[in-house]
């Protein structure tokens, strides 16, 4: 099963690097479906794999013509970092309050279905939607906080909601939204990891599996960045839509799985 997870990680991070969803949004529901690890362990493995993947993607994008937005990019990322801490706190509070791993997993997957379906409808209709072009740094920080909170709580490191927010509120095209999304994800996951360390809440995990998943994620990031240069915005949009269908189906399956536990 570990080999399957490593292969899925590579594929997910290739897609994540191209589309800006980070990869964890695929890795997390696949792990929920295939293995019986505790929810906290799955979130930790997924989140840190995505952290490695985004670090490499951002490093390799330094010389690309597409850049992180000079006005709102940093405030979005700082908001994402604060949101990453809040998301971890919310996750820990719910876990301590309920003590029910299956309930947490079910809630995470229900939220994933709702958010991903909303983004799917938005992408279908975005040509007819008049977008905003927010440049206020305070507003950017607030939206970054919301995105960081969701990604940290869900244990996905990012996701389709990033792309929708960046497209609608900041009028970014698919490729610019993808890069700025990875920037937010990176800071959110760094903050999440630091919070785990400070709280002493690192879950039990297989160290060899984590290293293998992170290595696979790095390879996926490198391949994804290379492929991204060959694709236009329409190709990225089509890939994004296909991934969202897969996420909704996987998350719906996981809701049913956790409900039976």
C-alpha atoms as a PDB file:
ATOM      1  CA  UNK A   1       0.000   0.000   0.000  1.00  0.00           C
ATOM      2  CA  UNK A   2       2.906   2.379   0.728  1.00  0.00           C
ATOM      3  CA  UNK A   3       4.071   2.048  -2.900  1.00  0.00           C
ATOM      4  CA  UNK A   4       0.583   3.020  -4.097  1.00  0.00           C
ATOM      5  CA  UNK A   5       0.588   6.087  -1.826  1.00  0.00           C
ATOM      6  CA  UNK A   6       4.007   7.174  -3.110  1.00  0.00           C
ATOM      7  CA  UNK A   7       2.876   6.854  -6.754  1.00  0.00           C
ATOM      8  CA  UNK A   8      -0.333   8.759  -6.035  1.00  0.00           C
ATOM      9  CA  UNK A   9       1.722  11.447  -4.292  1.00  0.00           C
ATOM     10  CA  UNK A  10       3.858  11.927  -7.403  1.00  0.00           C
ATOM     11  CA  UNK A  11       0.826  12.189  -9.701  1.00  0.00           C
ATOM     12  CA  UNK A  12      -1.016  14.488  -7.287  1.00  0.00           C
ATOM     13  CA  UNK A  13       1.907  16.888  -6.930  1.00  0.00           C
ATOM     14  CA  UNK A  14       2.447  17.035 -10.698  1.00  0.00           C
ATOM     15  CA  UNK A  15      -1.184  18.095 -11.076  1.00  0.00           C
ATOM     16  CA  UNK A  16      -0.933  20.338  -8.028  1.00  0.00           C
ATOM     17  CA  UNK A  17       2.118  22.194  -9.324  1.00  0.00           C
ATOM     18  CA  UNK A  18       0.413  22.844 -12.663  1.00  0.00           C
ATOM     19  CA  UNK A  19      -2.984  23.916 -11.346  1.00  0.00           C
ATOM     20  CA  UNK A  20      -1.972  25.508  -8.036  1.00  0.00           C
ATOM     21  CA  UNK A  21      -4.075  23.217  -5.838  1.00  0.00           C
ATOM     22  CA  UNK A  22      -0.987  21.895  -4.069  1.00  0.00           C
ATOM     23  CA  UNK A  23      -1.506  18.151  -4.365  1.00  0.00           C
ATOM     24  CA  UNK A  24      -2.697  17.588  -0.799  1.00  0.00           C
ATOM     25  CA  UNK A  25      -6.273  18.047  -1.922  1.00  0.00           C
ATOM     26  CA  UNK A  26      -5.828  14.777  -3.843  1.00  0.00           C
ATOM     27  CA  UNK A  27      -3.461  12.991  -1.435  1.00  0.00           C
ATOM     28  CA  UNK A  28      -5.652  13.560   1.656  1.00  0.00           C
ATOM     29  CA  UNK A  29      -8.932  12.043   0.320  1.00  0.00           C
ATOM     30  CA  UNK A  30      -7.036   9.166  -1.332  1.00  0.00           C
ATOM     31  CA  UNK A  31      -5.376   8.324   1.989  1.00  0.00           C
ATOM     32  CA  UNK A  32      -8.722   8.650   3.785  1.00  0.00           C
ATOM     33  CA  UNK A  33     -10.137   6.114   1.325  1.00  0.00           C
ATOM     34  CA  UNK A  34      -7.253   3.616   1.238  1.00  0.00           C
ATOM     35  CA  UNK A  35      -5.645   3.479   4.688  1.00  0.00           C
ATOM     36  CA  UNK A  36      -6.850   3.368   8.276  1.00  0.00           C
ATOM     37  CA  UNK A  37      -4.351   5.847   9.709  1.00  0.00           C
ATOM     38  CA  UNK A  38      -5.634   8.374  12.292  1.00  0.00           C
ATOM     39  CA  UNK A  39      -6.952  11.582  10.701  1.00  0.00           C
ATOM     40  CA  UNK A  40      -4.177  13.634  12.364  1.00  0.00           C
ATOM     41  CA  UNK A  41      -1.498  11.357  10.869  1.00  0.00           C
ATOM     42  CA  UNK A  42      -2.994  11.602   7.374  1.00  0.00           C
ATOM     43  CA  UNK A  43      -3.191  15.400   7.651  1.00  0.00           C
ATOM     44  CA  UNK A  44       0.430  15.554   8.859  1.00  0.00           C
ATOM     45  CA  UNK A  45       1.772  13.338   6.053  1.00  0.00           C
ATOM     46  CA  UNK A  46      -0.257  15.156   3.400  1.00  0.00           C
ATOM     47  CA  UNK A  47       0.544  18.649   4.686  1.00  0.00           C
ATOM     48  CA  UNK A  48       4.305  18.117   4.910  1.00  0.00           C
ATOM     49  CA  UNK A  49       4.442  16.455   1.503  1.00  0.00           C
ATOM     50  CA  UNK A  50       2.747  19.544   0.093  1.00  0.00           C
ATOM     51  CA  UNK A  51       5.176  21.791   1.990  1.00  0.00           C
ATOM     52  CA  UNK A  52       8.135  20.104   0.271  1.00  0.00           C
ATOM     53  CA  UNK A  53       6.372  20.250  -3.091  1.00  0.00           C
ATOM     54  CA  UNK A  54       5.493  23.962  -2.864  1.00  0.00           C
ATOM     55  CA  UNK A  55       9.009  24.902  -1.706  1.00  0.00           C
ATOM     56  CA  UNK A  56      10.504  23.285  -4.810  1.00  0.00           C
ATOM     57  CA  UNK A  57       7.827  24.710  -7.131  1.00  0.00           C
ATOM     58  CA  UNK A  58       8.397  28.244  -5.854  1.00  0.00           C
ATOM     59  CA  UNK A  59      12.183  27.906  -6.070  1.00  0.00           C
ATOM     60  CA  UNK A  60      11.982  26.687  -9.662  1.00  0.00           C
ATOM     61  CA  UNK A  61       9.564  29.472 -10.632  1.00  0.00           C
ATOM     62  CA  UNK A  62      12.024  32.271  -9.789  1.00  0.00           C
ATOM     63  CA  UNK A  63      13.060  32.801 -13.413  1.00  0.00           C
ATOM     64  CA  UNK A  64       9.634  32.203 -14.938  1.00  0.00           C
ATOM     65  CA  UNK A  65       7.842  35.159 -16.564  1.00  0.00           C
ATOM     66  CA  UNK A  66       4.840  34.592 -14.282  1.00  0.00           C
ATOM     67  CA  UNK A  67       5.526  36.042 -10.829  1.00  0.00           C
ATOM     68  CA  UNK A  68       3.856  36.239  -7.437  1.00  0.00           C
ATOM     69  CA  UNK A  69       1.669  39.381  -7.387  1.00  0.00           C
ATOM     70  CA  UNK A  70       3.869  42.262  -6.207  1.00  0.00           C
ATOM     71  CA  UNK A  71       1.001  44.086  -4.452  1.00  0.00           C
ATOM     72  CA  UNK A  72      -1.114  41.424  -2.738  1.00  0.00           C
ATOM     73  CA  UNK A  73       1.105  38.317  -2.870  1.00  0.00           C
ATOM     74  CA  UNK A  74       2.929  38.882   0.427  1.00  0.00           C
ATOM     75  CA  UNK A  75      -0.162  39.999   2.428  1.00  0.00           C
ATOM     76  CA  UNK A  76      -2.013  36.936   1.128  1.00  0.00           C
ATOM     77  CA  UNK A  77       0.850  34.703   2.254  1.00  0.00           C
ATOM     78  CA  UNK A  78       1.082  36.305   5.709  1.00  0.00           C
ATOM     79  CA  UNK A  79      -2.669  35.953   6.134  1.00  0.00           C
ATOM     80  CA  UNK A  80      -2.275  32.339   5.038  1.00  0.00           C
ATOM     81  CA  UNK A  81       0.330  31.795   7.769  1.00  0.00           C
ATOM     82  CA  UNK A  82      -2.002  33.157  10.470  1.00  0.00           C
ATOM     83  CA  UNK A  83      -4.837  31.089   9.027  1.00  0.00           C
ATOM     84  CA  UNK A  84      -2.610  28.019   9.106  1.00  0.00           C
ATOM     85  CA  UNK A  85      -2.135  28.473  12.859  1.00  0.00           C
ATOM     86  CA  UNK A  86      -5.863  29.063  13.450  1.00  0.00           C
ATOM     87  CA  UNK A  87      -6.797  26.028  11.360  1.00  0.00           C
ATOM     88  CA  UNK A  88      -4.492  23.831  13.425  1.00  0.00           C
ATOM     89  CA  UNK A  89      -5.959  25.211  16.661  1.00  0.00           C
ATOM     90  CA  UNK A  90      -9.531  24.543  15.448  1.00  0.00           C
ATOM     91  CA  UNK A  91      -8.572  21.003  14.397  1.00  0.00           C
ATOM     92  CA  UNK A  92      -6.953  20.290  17.789  1.00  0.00           C
ATOM     93  CA  UNK A  93      -9.935  21.747  19.680  1.00  0.00           C
ATOM     94  CA  UNK A  94     -12.465  19.626  17.785  1.00  0.00           C
ATOM     95  CA  UNK A  95     -10.320  16.532  18.255  1.00  0.00           C
ATOM     96  CA  UNK A  96     -10.038  17.093  22.011  1.00  0.00           C
ATOM     97  CA  UNK A  97     -13.724  17.995  22.354  1.00  0.00           C
ATOM     98  CA  UNK A  98     -15.112  15.003  20.486  1.00  0.00           C
ATOM     99  CA  UNK A  99     -12.388  12.366  20.702  1.00  0.00           C
ATOM    100  CA  UNK A 100     -14.022  10.920  17.602  1.00  0.00           C
ATOM    101  CA  UNK A 101     -11.638  10.450  14.669  1.00  0.00           C
ATOM    102  CA  UNK A 102     -14.393   9.277  12.323  1.00  0.00           C
ATOM    103  CA  UNK A 103     -16.484  12.393  13.025  1.00  0.00           C
ATOM    104  CA  UNK A 104     -13.535  14.678  12.250  1.00  0.00           C
ATOM    105  CA  UNK A 105     -12.821  12.787   9.026  1.00  0.00           C
ATOM    106  CA  UNK A 106     -16.468  12.988   8.001  1.00  0.00           C
ATOM    107  CA  UNK A 107     -16.655  16.748   8.684  1.00  0.00           C
ATOM    108  CA  UNK A 108     -13.447  17.357   6.708  1.00  0.00           C
ATOM    109  CA  UNK A 109     -14.783  15.459   3.703  1.00  0.00           C
ATOM    110  CA  UNK A 110     -18.232  17.098   3.834  1.00  0.00           C
ATOM    111  CA  UNK A 111     -16.545  20.518   3.775  1.00  0.00           C
ATOM    112  CA  UNK A 112     -14.384  19.322   0.867  1.00  0.00           C
ATOM    113  CA  UNK A 113     -17.448  18.253  -1.146  1.00  0.00           C
ATOM    114  CA  UNK A 114     -19.228  21.578  -0.557  1.00  0.00           C
ATOM    115  CA  UNK A 115     -16.187  23.766  -1.295  1.00  0.00           C
ATOM    116  CA  UNK A 116     -15.095  21.808  -4.367  1.00  0.00           C
ATOM    117  CA  UNK A 117     -18.609  21.705  -5.842  1.00  0.00           C
ATOM    118  CA  UNK A 118     -18.896  25.480  -5.317  1.00  0.00           C
ATOM    119  CA  UNK A 119     -15.597  26.063  -7.108  1.00  0.00           C
ATOM    120  CA  UNK A 120     -16.661  23.725  -9.931  1.00  0.00           C
ATOM    121  CA  UNK A 121     -19.803  25.797 -10.550  1.00  0.00           C
ATOM    122  CA  UNK A 122     -17.749  29.005 -10.394  1.00  0.00           C
ATOM    123  CA  UNK A 123     -15.248  27.782 -12.996  1.00  0.00           C
ATOM    124  CA  UNK A 124     -18.085  26.709 -15.310  1.00  0.00           C
ATOM    125  CA  UNK A 125     -19.622  30.190 -15.115  1.00  0.00           C
ATOM    126  CA  UNK A 126     -16.541  32.362 -14.666  1.00  0.00           C
ATOM    127  CA  UNK A 127     -16.675  33.784 -18.194  1.00  0.00           C
ATOM    128  CA  UNK A 128     -20.008  35.384 -17.237  1.00  0.00           C
ATOM    129  CA  UNK A 129     -18.921  36.500 -13.773  1.00  0.00           C
ATOM    130  CA  UNK A 130     -17.589  40.001 -13.291  1.00  0.00           C
ATOM    131  CA  UNK A 131     -14.512  39.685 -11.090  1.00  0.00           C
ATOM    132  CA  UNK A 132     -13.070  42.168  -8.606  1.00  0.00           C
ATOM    133  CA  UNK A 133      -9.547  43.549  -8.535  1.00  0.00           C
ATOM    134  CA  UNK A 134      -8.726  44.075  -4.872  1.00  0.00           C
ATOM    135  CA  UNK A 135      -5.418  45.806  -4.155  1.00  0.00           C
ATOM    136  CA  UNK A 136      -5.841  46.687  -0.473  1.00  0.00           C
ATOM    137  CA  UNK A 137      -3.262  44.802   1.583  1.00  0.00           C
ATOM    138  CA  UNK A 138      -5.551  44.464   4.620  1.00  0.00           C
ATOM    139  CA  UNK A 139      -8.222  42.796   2.497  1.00  0.00           C
ATOM    140  CA  UNK A 140      -5.618  40.517   0.924  1.00  0.00           C
ATOM    141  CA  UNK A 141      -4.396  39.500   4.390  1.00  0.00           C
ATOM    142  CA  UNK A 142      -7.968  38.691   5.444  1.00  0.00           C
ATOM    143  CA  UNK A 143      -8.600  36.486   2.415  1.00  0.00           C
ATOM    144  CA  UNK A 144      -5.232  34.807   2.931  1.00  0.00           C
ATOM    145  CA  UNK A 145      -6.254  34.056   6.522  1.00  0.00           C
ATOM    146  CA  UNK A 146      -9.502  32.416   5.348  1.00  0.00           C
ATOM    147  CA  UNK A 147      -7.643  30.292   2.794  1.00  0.00           C
ATOM    148  CA  UNK A 148      -4.960  29.293   5.296  1.00  0.00           C
ATOM    149  CA  UNK A 149      -7.563  28.334   7.897  1.00  0.00           C
ATOM    150  CA  UNK A 150      -9.438  26.059   5.501  1.00  0.00           C
ATOM    151  CA  UNK A 151      -6.306  24.417   4.128  1.00  0.00           C
ATOM    152  CA  UNK A 152      -4.851  23.774   7.587  1.00  0.00           C
ATOM    153  CA  UNK A 153      -8.078  22.442   9.106  1.00  0.00           C
ATOM    154  CA  UNK A 154      -8.754  20.185   6.133  1.00  0.00           C
ATOM    155  CA  UNK A 155      -5.157  18.930   6.066  1.00  0.00           C
ATOM    156  CA  UNK A 156      -4.856  19.505   2.333  1.00  0.00           C
ATOM    157  CA  UNK A 157      -2.320  22.315   2.179  1.00  0.00           C
ATOM    158  CA  UNK A 158      -4.442  24.303  -0.266  1.00  0.00           C
ATOM    159  CA  UNK A 159      -7.081  23.354  -2.761  1.00  0.00           C
ATOM    160  CA  UNK A 160      -9.507  24.589  -5.400  1.00  0.00           C
ATOM    161  CA  UNK A 161     -10.884  27.292  -3.101  1.00  0.00           C
ATOM    162  CA  UNK A 162      -7.556  29.164  -3.417  1.00  0.00           C
ATOM    163  CA  UNK A 163      -7.960  29.349  -7.180  1.00  0.00           C
ATOM    164  CA  UNK A 164     -11.565  30.573  -6.948  1.00  0.00           C
ATOM    165  CA  UNK A 165     -10.691  33.300  -4.411  1.00  0.00           C
ATOM    166  CA  UNK A 166      -7.692  34.515  -6.412  1.00  0.00           C
ATOM    167  CA  UNK A 167      -9.658  34.469  -9.653  1.00  0.00           C
ATOM    168  CA  UNK A 168     -12.741  36.266  -8.310  1.00  0.00           C
ATOM    169  CA  UNK A 169     -11.360  38.732  -5.767  1.00  0.00           C
ATOM    170  CA  UNK A 170      -8.039  39.527  -7.479  1.00  0.00           C
ATOM    171  CA  UNK A 171      -8.844  38.912 -11.188  1.00  0.00           C
ATOM    172  CA  UNK A 172      -5.914  36.511 -11.652  1.00  0.00           C
ATOM    173  CA  UNK A 173      -5.812  34.199 -14.668  1.00  0.00           C
ATOM    174  CA  UNK A 174      -5.249  30.471 -14.170  1.00  0.00           C
ATOM    175  CA  UNK A 175      -1.437  30.503 -14.242  1.00  0.00           C
ATOM    176  CA  UNK A 176      -1.027  33.560 -11.992  1.00  0.00           C
ATOM    177  CA  UNK A 177      -3.611  32.144  -9.571  1.00  0.00           C
ATOM    178  CA  UNK A 178      -1.747  28.818  -9.529  1.00  0.00           C
ATOM    179  CA  UNK A 179       1.587  30.398  -8.551  1.00  0.00           C
ATOM    180  CA  UNK A 180       0.073  32.734  -5.951  1.00  0.00           C
ATOM    181  CA  UNK A 181      -1.879  29.800  -4.531  1.00  0.00           C
ATOM    182  CA  UNK A 182       1.348  27.819  -4.058  1.00  0.00           C
ATOM    183  CA  UNK A 183       2.854  30.861  -2.302  1.00  0.00           C
ATOM    184  CA  UNK A 184      -0.058  30.973   0.172  1.00  0.00           C
ATOM    185  CA  UNK A 185       0.084  27.204   0.692  1.00  0.00           C
ATOM    186  CA  UNK A 186       3.805  27.332   1.487  1.00  0.00           C
ATOM    187  CA  UNK A 187       3.445  29.889   4.288  1.00  0.00           C
ATOM    188  CA  UNK A 188       0.287  28.252   5.630  1.00  0.00           C
ATOM    189  CA  UNK A 189       1.996  24.855   5.885  1.00  0.00           C
ATOM    190  CA  UNK A 190       5.153  26.296   7.471  1.00  0.00           C
ATOM    191  CA  UNK A 191       2.967  27.936  10.131  1.00  0.00           C
ATOM    192  CA  UNK A 192       1.019  24.694  10.598  1.00  0.00           C
ATOM    193  CA  UNK A 193       4.231  22.697  11.101  1.00  0.00           C
ATOM    194  CA  UNK A 194       5.634  25.230  13.595  1.00  0.00           C
ATOM    195  CA  UNK A 195       2.346  25.109  15.540  1.00  0.00           C
ATOM    196  CA  UNK A 196       2.531  21.314  15.654  1.00  0.00           C
ATOM    197  CA  UNK A 197       6.071  21.514  17.022  1.00  0.00           C
ATOM    198  CA  UNK A 198       5.252  24.181  19.634  1.00  0.00           C
ATOM    199  CA  UNK A 199       2.131  22.338  20.805  1.00  0.00           C
ATOM    200  CA  UNK A 200       3.948  19.017  20.908  1.00  0.00           C
ATOM    201  CA  UNK A 201       1.115  17.623  18.799  1.00  0.00           C
ATOM    202  CA  UNK A 202       3.125  15.782  16.147  1.00  0.00           C
ATOM    203  CA  UNK A 203       1.136  12.560  15.572  1.00  0.00           C
ATOM    204  CA  UNK A 204       2.667   9.099  15.317  1.00  0.00           C
ATOM    205  CA  UNK A 205       3.785   8.483  11.733  1.00  0.00           C
ATOM    206  CA  UNK A 206       6.006   6.281   9.594  1.00  0.00           C
ATOM    207  CA  UNK A 207       9.170   8.332   9.051  1.00  0.00           C
ATOM    208  CA  UNK A 208      10.241   6.344   6.005  1.00  0.00           C
ATOM    209  CA  UNK A 209       6.822   6.836   4.408  1.00  0.00           C
ATOM    210  CA  UNK A 210       6.958  10.594   5.058  1.00  0.00           C
ATOM    211  CA  UNK A 211      10.433  10.876   3.487  1.00  0.00           C
ATOM    212  CA  UNK A 212       9.321   8.798   0.498  1.00  0.00           C
ATOM    213  CA  UNK A 213       6.170  10.904   0.044  1.00  0.00           C
ATOM    214  CA  UNK A 214       8.131  14.159   0.336  1.00  0.00           C
ATOM    215  CA  UNK A 215      10.714  12.918  -2.190  1.00  0.00           C
ATOM    216  CA  UNK A 216       7.924  11.862  -4.534  1.00  0.00           C
ATOM    217  CA  UNK A 217       6.267  15.251  -4.024  1.00  0.00           C
ATOM    218  CA  UNK A 218       9.494  17.058  -4.926  1.00  0.00           C
ATOM    219  CA  UNK A 219       9.844  15.009  -8.125  1.00  0.00           C
ATOM    220  CA  UNK A 220       6.201  15.752  -8.911  1.00  0.00           C
ATOM    221  CA  UNK A 221       6.767  19.467  -8.344  1.00  0.00           C
ATOM    222  CA  UNK A 222       9.738  19.513 -10.712  1.00  0.00           C
ATOM    223  CA  UNK A 223       7.806  17.650 -13.404  1.00  0.00           C
ATOM    224  CA  UNK A 224       4.736  19.831 -12.868  1.00  0.00           C
ATOM    225  CA  UNK A 225       6.653  23.091 -13.244  1.00  0.00           C
ATOM    226  CA  UNK A 226       8.207  21.841 -16.499  1.00  0.00           C
ATOM    227  CA  UNK A 227       4.821  20.778 -17.882  1.00  0.00           C
ATOM    228  CA  UNK A 228       3.180  24.029 -16.785  1.00  0.00           C
ATOM    229  CA  UNK A 229       5.403  26.018 -19.155  1.00  0.00           C
ATOM    230  CA  UNK A 230       3.991  24.033 -22.095  1.00  0.00           C
ATOM    231  CA  UNK A 231       0.327  24.513 -21.190  1.00  0.00           C
ATOM    232  CA  UNK A 232      -1.880  27.543 -21.755  1.00  0.00           C
ATOM    233  CA  UNK A 233      -4.624  28.787 -19.410  1.00  0.00           C
ATOM    234  CA  UNK A 234      -7.315  26.712 -21.163  1.00  0.00           C
ATOM    235  CA  UNK A 235      -5.348  23.500 -20.623  1.00  0.00           C
ATOM    236  CA  UNK A 236      -4.838  24.392 -16.962  1.00  0.00           C
ATOM    237  CA  UNK A 237      -8.576  25.073 -16.568  1.00  0.00           C
ATOM    238  CA  UNK A 238      -9.520  21.703 -18.095  1.00  0.00           C
ATOM    239  CA  UNK A 239      -7.076  19.859 -15.858  1.00  0.00           C
ATOM    240  CA  UNK A 240      -8.431  21.767 -12.869  1.00  0.00           C
ATOM    241  CA  UNK A 241     -12.033  20.784 -13.690  1.00  0.00           C
ATOM    242  CA  UNK A 242     -11.125  17.116 -14.083  1.00  0.00           C
ATOM    243  CA  UNK A 243      -9.354  17.093 -10.724  1.00  0.00           C
ATOM    244  CA  UNK A 244     -12.354  18.691  -9.002  1.00  0.00           C
ATOM    245  CA  UNK A 245     -14.664  15.928 -10.224  1.00  0.00           C
ATOM    246  CA  UNK A 246     -12.256  13.330  -8.808  1.00  0.00           C
ATOM    247  CA  UNK A 247     -12.042  15.195  -5.480  1.00  0.00           C
ATOM    248  CA  UNK A 248     -15.837  15.408  -5.110  1.00  0.00           C
ATOM    249  CA  UNK A 249     -16.278  11.694  -5.849  1.00  0.00           C
ATOM    250  CA  UNK A 250     -13.484  10.661  -3.470  1.00  0.00           C
ATOM    251  CA  UNK A 251     -14.696  12.953  -0.692  1.00  0.00           C
ATOM    252  CA  UNK A 252     -18.295  11.737  -1.057  1.00  0.00           C
ATOM    253  CA  UNK A 253     -17.041   8.143  -0.782  1.00  0.00           C
ATOM    254  CA  UNK A 254     -15.115   9.079   2.361  1.00  0.00           C
ATOM    255  CA  UNK A 255     -18.167  10.722   3.951  1.00  0.00           C
ATOM    256  CA  UNK A 256     -20.028   7.420   3.553  1.00  0.00           C
ATOM    257  CA  UNK A 257     -17.007   5.477   4.866  1.00  0.00           C
ATOM    258  CA  UNK A 258     -16.627   7.580   8.017  1.00  0.00           C
ATOM    259  CA  UNK A 259     -20.403   7.587   8.628  1.00  0.00           C
ATOM    260  CA  UNK A 260     -20.306   3.778   8.882  1.00  0.00           C
ATOM    261  CA  UNK A 261     -17.468   3.788  11.445  1.00  0.00           C
END
